[in-house]
PDB file of N, CA and C in Angstrom:
ATOM      1  N   MET A   1       4.285  18.917  21.263  1.00  0.00           N
ATOM      2  CA  MET A   1       5.125  17.839  20.591  1.00  0.00           C
ATOM      3  C   MET A   1       6.498  17.352  20.777  1.00  0.00           C
ATOM      4  N   THR A   2       6.952  16.178  21.304  1.00  0.00           N
ATOM      5  CA  THR A   2       8.528  15.437  21.067  1.00  0.00           C
ATOM      6  C   THR A   2       8.607  15.493  19.036  1.00  0.00           C
ATOM      7  N   VAL A   3       9.541  16.068  18.688  1.00  0.00           N
ATOM      8  CA  VAL A   3       9.945  15.027  17.366  1.00  0.00           C
ATOM      9  C   VAL A   3      10.416  13.824  17.354  1.00  0.00           C
ATOM     10  N   GLY A   4      10.903  12.836  16.843  1.00  0.00           N
ATOM     11  CA  GLY A   4      11.819  12.310  16.713  1.00  0.00           C
ATOM     12  C   GLY A   4      11.400  11.236  17.727  1.00  0.00           C
ATOM     13  N   GLN A   5      10.589  11.161  18.479  1.00  0.00           N
ATOM     14  CA  GLN A   5      10.035   9.823  19.879  1.00  0.00           C
ATOM     15  C   GLN A   5       9.850   8.458  19.649  1.00  0.00           C
ATOM     16  N   GLN A   6      10.671   7.672  20.132  1.00  0.00           N
ATOM     17  CA  GLN A   6      10.663   6.762  19.657  1.00  0.00           C
ATOM     18  C   GLN A   6       8.894   5.781  20.419  1.00  0.00           C
ATOM     19  N   GLY A   7       9.199   4.952  19.873  1.00  0.00           N
ATOM     20  CA  GLY A   7       7.729   4.225  19.573  1.00  0.00           C
ATOM     21  C   GLY A   7       7.937   2.791  19.660  1.00  0.00           C
ATOM     22  N   GLY A   8       6.492   2.586  19.795  1.00  0.00           N
ATOM     23  CA  GLY A   8       6.557   1.027  20.241  1.00  0.00           C
ATOM     24  C   GLY A   8       6.500   0.383  18.485  1.00  0.00           C
ATOM     25  N   PRO A   9       6.344  -0.881  17.948  1.00  0.00           N
ATOM     26  CA  PRO A   9       6.430  -1.454  17.154  1.00  0.00           C
ATOM     27  C   PRO A   9       4.515  -0.548  16.376  1.00  0.00           C
ATOM     28  N   ASP A  10       4.232  -0.705  17.076  1.00  0.00           N
ATOM     29  CA  ASP A  10       2.349   0.122  16.815  1.00  0.00           C
ATOM     30  C   ASP A  10       3.002   1.806  16.067  1.00  0.00           C
ATOM     31  N   THR A  11       3.859   2.414  16.766  1.00  0.00           N
ATOM     32  CA  THR A  11       3.412   4.356  16.548  1.00  0.00           C
ATOM     33  C   THR A  11       3.867   4.336  15.016  1.00  0.00           C
ATOM     34  N   PRO A  12       2.963   4.494  14.188  1.00  0.00           N
ATOM     35  CA  PRO A  12       2.273   4.819  12.967  1.00  0.00           C
ATOM     36  C   PRO A  12       3.909   5.171  12.452  1.00  0.00           C
ATOM     37  N   ILE A  13       4.109   5.651  10.935  1.00  0.00           N
ATOM     38  CA  ILE A  13       4.730   5.868  10.150  1.00  0.00           C
ATOM     39  C   ILE A  13       3.757   7.031   9.464  1.00  0.00           C
ATOM     40  N   GLY A  14       4.599   8.488   9.037  1.00  0.00           N
ATOM     41  CA  GLY A  14       3.900   8.741   8.057  1.00  0.00           C
ATOM     42  C   GLY A  14       4.948   9.138   6.663  1.00  0.00           C
ATOM     43  N   LEU A  15       4.505   9.080   5.692  1.00  0.00           N
ATOM     44  CA  LEU A  15       5.643   8.947   4.552  1.00  0.00           C
ATOM     45  C   LEU A  15       5.289  10.027   3.580  1.00  0.00           C
ATOM     46  N   VAL A  16       5.824  10.483   2.873  1.00  0.00           N
ATOM     47  CA  VAL A  16       5.634  11.988   1.572  1.00  0.00           C
ATOM     48  C   VAL A  16       6.622  11.818   0.935  1.00  0.00           C
ATOM     49  N   THR A  17       5.452  11.935  -0.108  1.00  0.00           N
ATOM     50  CA  THR A  17       6.520  11.501  -1.603  1.00  0.00           C
ATOM     51  C   THR A  17       5.770  12.777  -2.430  1.00  0.00           C
ATOM     52  N   ILE A  18       6.926  12.888  -3.224  1.00  0.00           N
ATOM     53  CA  ILE A  18       6.858  14.714  -4.498  1.00  0.00           C
ATOM     54  C   ILE A  18       6.732  13.460  -5.192  1.00  0.00           C
ATOM     55  N   THR A  19       5.346  14.115  -6.273  1.00  0.00           N
ATOM     56  CA  THR A  19       5.147  13.265  -7.017  1.00  0.00           C
ATOM     57  C   THR A  19       4.873  14.694  -8.536  1.00  0.00           C
ATOM     58  N   TYR A  20       5.571  13.959  -9.549  1.00  0.00           N
ATOM     59  CA  TYR A  20       5.266  15.256 -10.747  1.00  0.00           C
ATOM     60  C   TYR A  20       4.935  13.569 -12.291  1.00  0.00           C
ATOM     61  N   SER A  21       4.172  13.892 -12.361  1.00  0.00           N
ATOM     62  CA  SER A  21       3.570  12.519 -13.457  1.00  0.00           C
ATOM     63  C   SER A  21       4.343  11.122 -13.245  1.00  0.00           C
ATOM     64  N   PRO A  22       5.141  10.338 -12.482  1.00  0.00           N
ATOM     65  CA  PRO A  22       5.448   9.901 -11.721  1.00  0.00           C
ATOM     66  C   PRO A  22       5.321   8.056 -12.296  1.00  0.00           C
ATOM     67  N   GLY A  23       4.017   8.287 -12.948  1.00  0.00           N
ATOM     68  CA  GLY A  23       4.384   7.216 -13.422  1.00  0.00           C
ATOM     69  C   GLY A  23       3.269   5.351 -12.704  1.00  0.00           C
ATOM     70  N   ASP A  24       4.053   4.763 -13.650  1.00  0.00           N
ATOM     71  CA  ASP A  24       4.383   3.303 -11.962  1.00  0.00           C
ATOM     72  C   ASP A  24       5.241   3.106 -11.445  1.00  0.00           C
ATOM     73  N   GLN A  25       6.073   4.418 -11.439  1.00  0.00           N
ATOM     74  CA  GLN A  25       6.481   3.991 -10.330  1.00  0.00           C
ATOM     75  C   GLN A  25       6.640   4.325  -9.768  1.00  0.00           C
ATOM     76  N   LEU A  26       5.038   5.530  -9.080  1.00  0.00           N
ATOM     77  CA  LEU A  26       4.943   5.908  -8.275  1.00  0.00           C
ATOM     78  C   LEU A  26       3.986   4.243  -7.322  1.00  0.00           C
ATOM     79  N   SER A  27       3.245   3.658  -8.291  1.00  0.00           N
ATOM     80  CA  SER A  27       2.337   2.118  -7.924  1.00  0.00           C
ATOM     81  C   SER A  27       3.646   1.751  -7.528  1.00  0.00           C
ATOM     82  N   ALA A  28       4.309   1.117  -8.379  1.00  0.00           N
ATOM     83  CA  ALA A  28       5.815   0.604  -7.729  1.00  0.00           C
ATOM     84  C   ALA A  28       6.287   0.545  -6.346  1.00  0.00           C
ATOM     85  N   LEU A  29       5.905   1.923  -5.536  1.00  0.00           N
ATOM     86  CA  LEU A  29       6.432   2.798  -4.522  1.00  0.00           C
ATOM     87  C   LEU A  29       5.547   2.151  -3.417  1.00  0.00           C
ATOM     88  N   LEU A  30       4.399   2.416  -3.950  1.00  0.00           N
ATOM     89  CA  LEU A  30       3.502   2.517  -3.050  1.00  0.00           C
ATOM     90  C   LEU A  30       2.697   0.787  -2.946  1.00  0.00           C
ATOM     91  N   ASP A  31       2.946  -0.035  -3.334  1.00  0.00           N
ATOM     92  CA  ASP A  31       3.418  -1.402  -3.466  1.00  0.00           C
ATOM     93  C   ASP A  31       4.837  -3.032  -2.769  1.00  0.00           C
ATOM     94  N   SER A  32       5.229  -1.653  -2.327  1.00  0.00           N
ATOM     95  CA  SER A  32       6.715  -1.690  -1.208  1.00  0.00           C
ATOM     96  C   SER A  32       6.500  -1.757  -0.232  1.00  0.00           C
ATOM     97  N   ILE A  33       5.422  -1.228   0.168  1.00  0.00           N
ATOM     98  CA  ILE A  33       5.625  -0.703   1.924  1.00  0.00           C
ATOM     99  C   ILE A  33       5.231  -1.338   2.314  1.00  0.00           C
ATOM    100  N   PRO A  34       4.467  -2.136   1.983  1.00  0.00           N
ATOM    101  CA  PRO A  34       3.893  -3.299   3.312  1.00  0.00           C
ATOM    102  C   PRO A  34       5.581  -4.555   3.518  1.00  0.00           C
ATOM    103  N   ALA A  35       6.149  -5.364   2.591  1.00  0.00           N
ATOM    104  CA  ALA A  35       7.292  -5.403   3.101  1.00  0.00           C
ATOM    105  C   ALA A  35       8.130  -4.659   4.041  1.00  0.00           C
ATOM    106  N   ALA A  36       7.747  -3.248   3.629  1.00  0.00           N
ATOM    107  CA  ALA A  36       8.661  -2.244   4.402  1.00  0.00           C
ATOM    108  C   ALA A  36       9.139  -2.223   5.364  1.00  0.00           C
ATOM    109  N   THR A  37       7.686  -2.714   6.559  1.00  0.00           N
ATOM    110  CA  THR A  37       7.363  -2.254   7.973  1.00  0.00           C
ATOM    111  C   THR A  37       6.558  -3.340   8.129  1.00  0.00           C
ATOM    112  N   GLY A  38       6.230  -3.715   9.218  1.00  0.00           N
ATOM    113  CA  GLY A  38       5.201  -3.662  10.257  1.00  0.00           C
ATOM    114  C   GLY A  38       3.945  -3.234  10.120  1.00  0.00           C
ATOM    115  N   ARG A  39       4.853  -1.288  10.775  1.00  0.00           N
ATOM    116  CA  ARG A  39       3.650  -0.374  11.246  1.00  0.00           C
ATOM    117  C   ARG A  39       2.425   0.074  10.280  1.00  0.00           C
ATOM    118  N   PRO A  40       1.801   1.082  11.085  1.00  0.00           N
ATOM    119  CA  PRO A  40       0.786   1.774  10.188  1.00  0.00           C
ATOM    120  C   PRO A  40       1.062   2.812   9.223  1.00  0.00           C
ATOM    121  N   VAL A  41       1.200   3.198   7.933  1.00  0.00           N
ATOM    122  CA  VAL A  41       2.209   3.624   7.617  1.00  0.00           C
ATOM    123  C   VAL A  41       1.158   4.837   6.521  1.00  0.00           C
ATOM    124  N   THR A  42       0.503   6.030   6.611  1.00  0.00           N
ATOM    125  CA  THR A  42      -0.045   7.641   6.194  1.00  0.00           C
ATOM    126  C   THR A  42       1.080   7.875   5.403  1.00  0.00           C
ATOM    127  N   VAL A  43       0.333   7.777   4.021  1.00  0.00           N
ATOM    128  CA  VAL A  43       0.759   8.394   2.613  1.00  0.00           C
ATOM    129  C   VAL A  43       0.046   9.448   2.836  1.00  0.00           C
ATOM    130  N   VAL A  44       1.068  10.807   2.354  1.00  0.00           N
ATOM    131  CA  VAL A  44       1.400  12.145   1.856  1.00  0.00           C
ATOM    132  C   VAL A  44       2.048  12.500   0.097  1.00  0.00           C
ATOM    133  N   LEU A  45       1.136  12.169  -1.357  1.00  0.00           N
ATOM    134  CA  LEU A  45       1.836  11.990  -2.655  1.00  0.00           C
ATOM    135  C   LEU A  45       1.497  13.439  -2.594  1.00  0.00           C
ATOM    136  N   ALA A  46       2.688  14.540  -2.293  1.00  0.00           N
ATOM    137  CA  ALA A  46       3.139  16.358  -2.843  1.00  0.00           C
ATOM    138  C   ALA A  46       2.623  16.229  -4.096  1.00  0.00           C
ATOM    139  N   ASP A  47       2.118  16.690  -4.400  1.00  0.00           N
ATOM    140  CA  ASP A  47       1.331  16.652  -6.367  1.00  0.00           C
ATOM    141  C   ASP A  47       2.069  18.098  -6.651  1.00  0.00           C
ATOM    142  N   ASN A  48       2.768  18.122  -7.627  1.00  0.00           N
ATOM    143  CA  ASN A  48       3.712  18.823  -8.477  1.00  0.00           C
ATOM    144  C   ASN A  48       3.078  19.467  -9.813  1.00  0.00           C
ATOM    145  N   GLY A  49       1.164  18.933  -9.433  1.00  0.00           N
ATOM    146  CA  GLY A  49       1.034  18.924 -11.135  1.00  0.00           C
ATOM    147  C   GLY A  49       0.879  18.231 -11.978  1.00  0.00           C
ATOM    148  N   SER A  50       0.754  16.547 -11.247  1.00  0.00           N
ATOM    149  CA  SER A  50       0.921  15.401 -12.648  1.00  0.00           C
ATOM    150  C   SER A  50      -0.132  15.632 -13.457  1.00  0.00           C
ATOM    151  N   THR A  51      -0.018  14.949 -14.435  1.00  0.00           N
ATOM    152  CA  THR A  51      -1.332  14.309 -15.855  1.00  0.00           C
ATOM    153  C   THR A  51      -1.495  13.560 -16.212  1.00  0.00           C
ATOM    154  N   ASP A  52      -0.961  12.900 -15.031  1.00  0.00           N
ATOM    155  CA  ASP A  52      -1.152  11.366 -16.267  1.00  0.00           C
ATOM    156  C   ASP A  52      -1.479  10.102 -15.270  1.00  0.00           C
ATOM    157  N   GLY A  53      -2.455  10.801 -14.825  1.00  0.00           N
ATOM    158  CA  GLY A  53      -3.279   9.894 -14.116  1.00  0.00           C
ATOM    159  C   GLY A  53      -3.238   9.296 -12.792  1.00  0.00           C
ATOM    160  N   SER A  54      -1.288   8.604 -12.364  1.00  0.00           N
ATOM    161  CA  SER A  54      -1.467   8.222 -11.434  1.00  0.00           C
ATOM    162  C   SER A  54      -1.100   8.310  -9.923  1.00  0.00           C
ATOM    163  N   VAL A  55      -1.124   9.502  -9.385  1.00  0.00           N
ATOM    164  CA  VAL A  55      -1.571  10.386  -8.911  1.00  0.00           C
ATOM    165  C   VAL A  55      -3.372  10.138  -8.143  1.00  0.00           C
ATOM    166  N   GLU A  56      -4.316  10.183  -9.453  1.00  0.00           N
ATOM    167  CA  GLU A  56      -5.794  10.086  -9.231  1.00  0.00           C
ATOM    168  C   GLU A  56      -6.136   8.688  -8.312  1.00  0.00           C
ATOM    169  N   ALA A  57      -5.232   7.897  -9.342  1.00  0.00           N
ATOM    170  CA  ALA A  57      -5.396   6.369  -9.133  1.00  0.00           C
ATOM    171  C   ALA A  57      -4.818   6.029  -8.254  1.00  0.00           C
ATOM    172  N   ALA A  58      -4.104   6.107  -7.677  1.00  0.00           N
ATOM    173  CA  ALA A  58      -3.163   5.951  -6.025  1.00  0.00           C
ATOM    174  C   ALA A  58      -3.903   6.557  -4.611  1.00  0.00           C
ATOM    175  N   ALA A  59      -4.504   7.938  -4.993  1.00  0.00           N
ATOM    176  CA  ALA A  59      -5.377   8.614  -4.569  1.00  0.00           C
ATOM    177  C   ALA A  59      -6.317   7.381  -4.133  1.00  0.00           C
ATOM    178  N   ALA A  60      -6.887   6.742  -4.290  1.00  0.00           N
ATOM    179  CA  ALA A  60      -8.122   5.282  -4.257  1.00  0.00           C
ATOM    180  C   ALA A  60      -7.533   4.241  -3.367  1.00  0.00           C
ATOM    181  N   ARG A  61      -6.041   4.801  -3.051  1.00  0.00           N
ATOM    182  CA  ARG A  61      -5.875   3.221  -1.808  1.00  0.00           C
ATOM    183  C   ARG A  61      -6.126   3.799  -0.553  1.00  0.00           C
ATOM    184  N   PRO A  62      -5.867   3.485   0.366  1.00  0.00           N
ATOM    185  CA  PRO A  62      -6.181   3.170   1.889  1.00  0.00           C
ATOM    186  C   PRO A  62      -5.417   4.025   1.991  1.00  0.00           C
ATOM    187  N   GLY A  63      -5.393   4.556   2.718  1.00  0.00           N
ATOM    188  CA  GLY A  63      -3.990   5.168   3.843  1.00  0.00           C
ATOM    189  C   GLY A  63      -3.114   6.049   2.892  1.00  0.00           C
ATOM    190  N   VAL A  64      -3.814   6.898   1.362  1.00  0.00           N
ATOM    191  CA  VAL A  64      -3.304   7.638   0.963  1.00  0.00           C
ATOM    192  C   VAL A  64      -3.906   8.382   0.879  1.00  0.00           C
ATOM    193  N   GLN A  65      -2.962  10.379   1.072  1.00  0.00           N
ATOM    194  CA  GLN A  65      -3.699  11.641   0.958  1.00  0.00           C
ATOM    195  C   GLN A  65      -3.186  12.102  -0.244  1.00  0.00           C
ATOM    196  N   VAL A  66      -3.293  12.889  -1.190  1.00  0.00           N
ATOM    197  CA  VAL A  66      -3.631  13.707  -2.021  1.00  0.00           C
ATOM    198  C   VAL A  66      -3.001  15.720  -1.522  1.00  0.00           C
ATOM    199  N   VAL A  67      -2.263  15.738  -1.949  1.00  0.00           N
ATOM    200  CA  VAL A  67      -2.471  17.093  -1.369  1.00  0.00           C
ATOM    201  C   VAL A  67      -0.854  18.223  -2.333  1.00  0.00           C
ATOM    202  N   ARG A  68      -2.500  19.104  -3.164  1.00  0.00           N
ATOM    203  CA  ARG A  68      -1.868  19.104  -4.807  1.00  0.00           C
ATOM    204  C   ARG A  68      -1.124  20.996  -4.686  1.00  0.00           C
ATOM    205  N   THR A  69      -0.271  20.663  -4.530  1.00  0.00           N
ATOM    206  CA  THR A  69       0.447  21.767  -4.516  1.00  0.00           C
ATOM    207  C   THR A  69       0.451  23.331  -5.196  1.00  0.00           C
ATOM    208  N   GLY A  70      -0.543  23.215  -6.515  1.00  0.00           N
ATOM    209  CA  GLY A  70      -0.996  24.485  -7.197  1.00  0.00           C
ATOM    210  C   GLY A  70      -0.078  24.572  -7.979  1.00  0.00           C
ATOM    211  N   GLY A  71       0.891  23.986  -8.761  1.00  0.00           N
ATOM    212  CA  GLY A  71       1.871  23.768  -9.149  1.00  0.00           C
ATOM    213  C   GLY A  71       3.443  23.141  -9.062  1.00  0.00           C
ATOM    214  N   ASN A  72       4.781  23.521 -10.241  1.00  0.00           N
ATOM    215  CA  ASN A  72       5.303  22.356  -9.817  1.00  0.00           C
ATOM    216  C   ASN A  72       6.224  24.062  -8.956  1.00  0.00           C
ATOM    217  N   ILE A  73       5.967  22.865  -7.664  1.00  0.00           N
ATOM    218  CA  ILE A  73       6.755  24.880  -5.797  1.00  0.00           C
ATOM    219  C   ILE A  73       8.251  24.145  -6.176  1.00  0.00           C
ATOM    220  N   GLY A  74       8.664  22.679  -7.022  1.00  0.00           N
ATOM    221  CA  GLY A  74      10.082  22.406  -6.474  1.00  0.00           C
ATOM    222  C   GLY A  74       9.668  21.320  -5.641  1.00  0.00           C
ATOM    223  N   TYR A  75      10.763  20.676  -4.900  1.00  0.00           N
ATOM    224  CA  TYR A  75      11.072  18.961  -4.196  1.00  0.00           C
ATOM    225  C   TYR A  75      11.013  19.928  -3.179  1.00  0.00           C
ATOM    226  N   GLY A  76      11.761  20.902  -2.598  1.00  0.00           N
ATOM    227  CA  GLY A  76      11.805  20.978  -1.254  1.00  0.00           C
ATOM    228  C   GLY A  76      10.406  21.971  -0.706  1.00  0.00           C
ATOM    229  N   GLY A  77      10.007  23.047  -1.402  1.00  0.00           N
ATOM    230  CA  GLY A  77       8.149  23.338  -1.242  1.00  0.00           C
ATOM    231  C   GLY A  77       7.354  21.838  -0.559  1.00  0.00           C
ATOM    232  N   ALA A  78       7.097  21.096  -2.179  1.00  0.00           N
ATOM    233  CA  ALA A  78       6.137  20.014  -1.988  1.00  0.00           C
ATOM    234  C   ALA A  78       6.503  19.057  -1.259  1.00  0.00           C
ATOM    235  N   ALA A  79       7.846  18.560  -0.687  1.00  0.00           N
ATOM    236  CA  ALA A  79       8.332  17.913   0.961  1.00  0.00           C
ATOM    237  C   ALA A  79       7.704  18.834   1.454  1.00  0.00           C
ATOM    238  N   ASN A  80       7.959  20.141   1.948  1.00  0.00           N
ATOM    239  CA  ASN A  80       7.320  20.845   2.792  1.00  0.00           C
ATOM    240  C   ASN A  80       5.606  20.818   2.970  1.00  0.00           C
ATOM    241  N   ALA A  81       4.728  21.157   1.772  1.00  0.00           N
ATOM    242  CA  ALA A  81       3.381  20.889   2.169  1.00  0.00           C
ATOM    243  C   ALA A  81       3.315  19.083   2.420  1.00  0.00           C
ATOM    244  N   GLY A  82       3.669  18.684   1.858  1.00  0.00           N
ATOM    245  CA  GLY A  82       3.031  17.161   2.097  1.00  0.00           C
ATOM    246  C   GLY A  82       3.381  16.689   3.603  1.00  0.00           C
ATOM    247  N   VAL A  83       5.184  17.558   4.820  1.00  0.00           N
ATOM    248  CA  VAL A  83       4.801  16.849   6.477  1.00  0.00           C
ATOM    249  C   VAL A  83       3.924  17.766   6.838  1.00  0.00           C
ATOM    250  N   ALA A  84       3.681  19.417   5.882  1.00  0.00           N
ATOM    251  CA  ALA A  84       2.265  19.651   7.062  1.00  0.00           C
ATOM    252  C   ALA A  84       2.205  18.842   6.838  1.00  0.00           C
ATOM    253  N   ALA A  85       0.963  18.322   5.744  1.00  0.00           N
ATOM    254  CA  ALA A  85      -0.161  17.627   5.787  1.00  0.00           C
ATOM    255  C   ALA A  85      -0.271  17.279   6.752  1.00  0.00           C
ATOM    256  N   LEU A  86       0.962  16.026   6.753  1.00  0.00           N
ATOM    257  CA  LEU A  86       0.574  14.963   8.413  1.00  0.00           C
ATOM    258  C   LEU A  86       0.536  15.301   9.520  1.00  0.00           C
ATOM    259  N   GLY A  87       0.784  17.229   9.724  1.00  0.00           N
ATOM    260  CA  GLY A  87       0.499  18.065  11.558  1.00  0.00           C
ATOM    261  C   GLY A  87      -1.098  17.436  11.694  1.00  0.00           C
ATOM    262  N   GLU A  88      -1.811  17.108  10.193  1.00  0.00           N
ATOM    263  CA  GLU A  88      -3.566  16.995  10.713  1.00  0.00           C
ATOM    264  C   GLU A  88      -3.681  15.954  11.101  1.00  0.00           C
ATOM    265  N   HIS A  89      -2.327  14.882  10.853  1.00  0.00           N
ATOM    266  CA  HIS A  89      -2.536  13.993  11.936  1.00  0.00           C
ATOM    267  C   HIS A  89      -1.726  14.055  12.919  1.00  0.00           C
ATOM    268  N   PHE A  90      -0.877  14.825  13.763  1.00  0.00           N
ATOM    269  CA  PHE A  90      -0.409  14.731  15.144  1.00  0.00           C
ATOM    270  C   PHE A  90      -1.387  15.592  15.438  1.00  0.00           C
ATOM    271  N   THR A  91      -2.003  16.826  15.265  1.00  0.00           N
ATOM    272  CA  THR A  91      -3.020  17.507  15.859  1.00  0.00           C
ATOM    273  C   THR A  91      -4.420  17.089  15.987  1.00  0.00           C
ATOM    274  N   ALA A  92      -4.996  15.188  15.122  1.00  0.00           N
ATOM    275  CA  ALA A  92      -5.699  14.594  15.697  1.00  0.00           C
ATOM    276  C   ALA A  92      -5.881  13.982  16.263  1.00  0.00           C
ATOM    277  N   GLY A  93      -4.795  13.323  17.543  1.00  0.00           N
ATOM    278  CA  GLY A  93      -4.285  12.572  18.047  1.00  0.00           C
ATOM    279  C   GLY A  93      -4.203  11.303  16.578  1.00  0.00           C
ATOM    280  N   MET A  94      -3.476  11.363  15.941  1.00  0.00           N
ATOM    281  CA  MET A  94      -3.039   9.874  15.856  1.00  0.00           C
ATOM    282  C   MET A  94      -1.993   8.969  15.755  1.00  0.00           C
ATOM    283  N   GLY A  95      -1.400   9.965  15.897  1.00  0.00           N
ATOM    284  CA  GLY A  95       0.077  10.039  16.463  1.00  0.00           C
ATOM    285  C   GLY A  95       1.067   9.199  15.615  1.00  0.00           C
ATOM    286  N   VAL A  96       1.024  10.656  14.330  1.00  0.00           N
ATOM    287  CA  VAL A  96       2.280   9.308  13.525  1.00  0.00           C
ATOM    288  C   VAL A  96       3.504   9.944  14.491  1.00  0.00           C
ATOM    289  N   GLY A  97       3.633   8.579  14.527  1.00  0.00           N
ATOM    290  CA  GLY A  97       5.716   9.661  15.381  1.00  0.00           C
ATOM    291  C   GLY A  97       7.027   9.524  14.393  1.00  0.00           C
ATOM    292  N   PHE A  98       7.113   9.666  13.061  1.00  0.00           N
ATOM    293  CA  PHE A  98       7.653   9.371  12.346  1.00  0.00           C
ATOM    294  C   PHE A  98       7.995   9.863  10.927  1.00  0.00           C
ATOM    295  N   VAL A  99       8.202  10.609  10.397  1.00  0.00           N
ATOM    296  CA  VAL A  99       8.001  10.937   9.197  1.00  0.00           C
ATOM    297  C   VAL A  99       9.325  10.696   7.800  1.00  0.00           C
ATOM    298  N   LEU A 100       9.437  10.227   6.906  1.00  0.00           N
ATOM    299  CA  LEU A 100      10.100   9.972   6.320  1.00  0.00           C
ATOM    300  C   LEU A 100       9.652  10.425   4.367  1.00  0.00           C
ATOM    301  N   VAL A 101      10.250  11.242   3.363  1.00  0.00           N
ATOM    302  CA  VAL A 101       9.982  11.911   2.351  1.00  0.00           C
ATOM    303  C   VAL A 101      10.948  11.326   1.986  1.00  0.00           C
ATOM    304  N   LEU A 102      10.538  10.076   0.983  1.00  0.00           N
ATOM    305  CA  LEU A 102      11.351   9.490  -0.210  1.00  0.00           C
ATOM    306  C   LEU A 102      10.837   9.988  -1.261  1.00  0.00           C
ATOM    307  N   LEU A 103      12.037   9.931  -2.484  1.00  0.00           N
ATOM    308  CA  LEU A 103      11.929  10.374  -3.670  1.00  0.00           C
ATOM    309  C   LEU A 103      10.610   9.501  -3.955  1.00  0.00           C
ATOM    310  N   GLY A 104       9.484   9.357  -4.383  1.00  0.00           N
ATOM    311  CA  GLY A 104       9.257   9.040  -6.033  1.00  0.00           C
ATOM    312  C   GLY A 104       9.536   7.527  -6.364  1.00  0.00           C
ATOM    313  N   SER A 105      10.274   7.813  -7.317  1.00  0.00           N
ATOM    314  CA  SER A 105      11.067   6.489  -8.017  1.00  0.00           C
ATOM    315  C   SER A 105      12.127   5.491  -6.840  1.00  0.00           C
ATOM    316  N   ALA A 106      11.710   5.896  -5.715  1.00  0.00           N
ATOM    317  CA  ALA A 106      12.526   4.857  -4.384  1.00  0.00           C
ATOM    318  C   ALA A 106      11.398   3.508  -4.003  1.00  0.00           C
ATOM    319  N   LEU A 107      11.572   3.033  -3.832  1.00  0.00           N
ATOM    320  CA  LEU A 107      10.858   1.780  -3.431  1.00  0.00           C
ATOM    321  C   LEU A 107      10.963   1.362  -2.085  1.00  0.00           C
ATOM    322  N   ALA A 108      10.706   0.626  -0.918  1.00  0.00           N
ATOM    323  CA  ALA A 108      10.756   0.571   0.410  1.00  0.00           C
ATOM    324  C   ALA A 108      11.281  -1.155   0.577  1.00  0.00           C
ATOM    325  N   THR A 109      11.915  -1.425   0.633  1.00  0.00           N
ATOM    326  CA  THR A 109      12.288  -3.220   0.989  1.00  0.00           C
ATOM    327  C   THR A 109      12.580  -3.088   1.817  1.00  0.00           C
ATOM    328  N   ARG A 110      12.575  -4.243   1.626  1.00  0.00           N
ATOM    329  CA  ARG A 110      11.811  -5.897   3.296  1.00  0.00           C
ATOM    330  C   ARG A 110      11.786  -4.638   4.701  1.00  0.00           C
ATOM    331  N   ARG A 111      11.421  -4.264   5.873  1.00  0.00           N
ATOM    332  CA  ARG A 111      11.922  -3.829   6.463  1.00  0.00           C
ATOM    333  C   ARG A 111      12.921  -2.039   6.121  1.00  0.00           C
ATOM    334  N   ARG A 112      12.860  -2.143   5.163  1.00  0.00           N
ATOM    335  CA  ARG A 112      13.331  -0.522   5.302  1.00  0.00           C
ATOM    336  C   ARG A 112      13.026   0.669   5.580  1.00  0.00           C
ATOM    337  N   LEU A 113      11.582   0.416   6.506  1.00  0.00           N
ATOM    338  CA  LEU A 113      11.729   1.765   7.209  1.00  0.00           C
ATOM    339  C   LEU A 113      10.838   1.620   8.521  1.00  0.00           C
ATOM    340  N   ASP A 114      11.230   0.098   8.880  1.00  0.00           N
ATOM    341  CA  ASP A 114      11.904   0.153  10.257  1.00  0.00           C
ATOM    342  C   ASP A 114      13.729   0.373  10.770  1.00  0.00           C
ATOM    343  N   ALA A 115      13.953   0.231   9.847  1.00  0.00           N
ATOM    344  CA  ALA A 115      15.170   0.579  10.269  1.00  0.00           C
ATOM    345  C   ALA A 115      15.731   1.765   9.717  1.00  0.00           C
ATOM    346  N   ALA A 116      15.313   1.913   8.941  1.00  0.00           N
ATOM    347  CA  ALA A 116      14.692   3.771   9.281  1.00  0.00           C
ATOM    348  C   ALA A 116      14.458   4.122  10.540  1.00  0.00           C
ATOM    349  N   LYS A 117      13.373   3.719  11.055  1.00  0.00           N
ATOM    350  CA  LYS A 117      13.008   4.574  11.854  1.00  0.00           C
ATOM    351  C   LYS A 117      13.628   3.953  13.416  1.00  0.00           C
ATOM    352  N   SER A 118      14.541   2.696  13.848  1.00  0.00           N
ATOM    353  CA  SER A 118      15.539   2.375  14.595  1.00  0.00           C
ATOM    354  C   SER A 118      16.532   3.679  15.089  1.00  0.00           C
ATOM    355  N   VAL A 119      17.651   3.980  14.248  1.00  0.00           N
ATOM    356  CA  VAL A 119      18.511   5.427  14.358  1.00  0.00           C
ATOM    357  C   VAL A 119      17.682   6.493  13.758  1.00  0.00           C
ATOM    358  N   GLU A 120      16.789   7.263  14.369  1.00  0.00           N
ATOM    359  CA  GLU A 120      17.377   8.552  13.829  1.00  0.00           C
ATOM    360  C   GLU A 120      17.266   9.155  15.148  1.00  0.00           C
ATOM    361  N   PRO A 121      17.537  10.000  15.251  1.00  0.00           N
ATOM    362  CA  PRO A 121      18.022  11.303  16.704  1.00  0.00           C
ATOM    363  C   PRO A 121      16.839  12.018  16.828  1.00  0.00           C
ATOM    364  N   GLN A 122      16.748  11.902  18.236  1.00  0.00           N
ATOM    365  CA  GLN A 122      16.023  12.162  19.501  1.00  0.00           C
ATOM    366  C   GLN A 122      16.355  13.587  19.573  1.00  0.00           C
ATOM    367  N   TYR A 123      14.717  14.256  19.485  1.00  0.00           N
ATOM    368  CA  TYR A 123      14.914  15.843  19.536  1.00  0.00           C
ATOM    369  C   TYR A 123      13.787  15.993  20.213  1.00  0.00           C
ATOM    370  N   SER A 124      13.618  16.857  21.414  1.00  0.00           N
ATOM    371  CA  SER A 124      12.833  17.938  22.391  1.00  0.00           C
ATOM    372  C   SER A 124      12.547  18.907  21.860  1.00  0.00           C
TER     373      SER A 124
END
């Protein structure tokens, strides 16, 4: 597999966010994604033990997957778990071409995900 492979405008983006009872911030992030890219997006919520119901509500949205980390394992551990879950998409041939890890309080503003994709480093 080549990491950071440039793709066309239909190359999917994997977006990982770490959650810990994020409340309305999570729905605001998810609502902001369509304006941020025209590409297909798979969202993985690496959940560090949320209890506010926001993650369950988000999981009902298309293209959103929840990975339960088993407790508050910290930002880095949760980010790794989320990216590892996207690995299933790589091996299943779904072709996620780019992965971003965003803070749950972030908003994906107009075309920002596409802009991030355009400056990716190249590795092989």
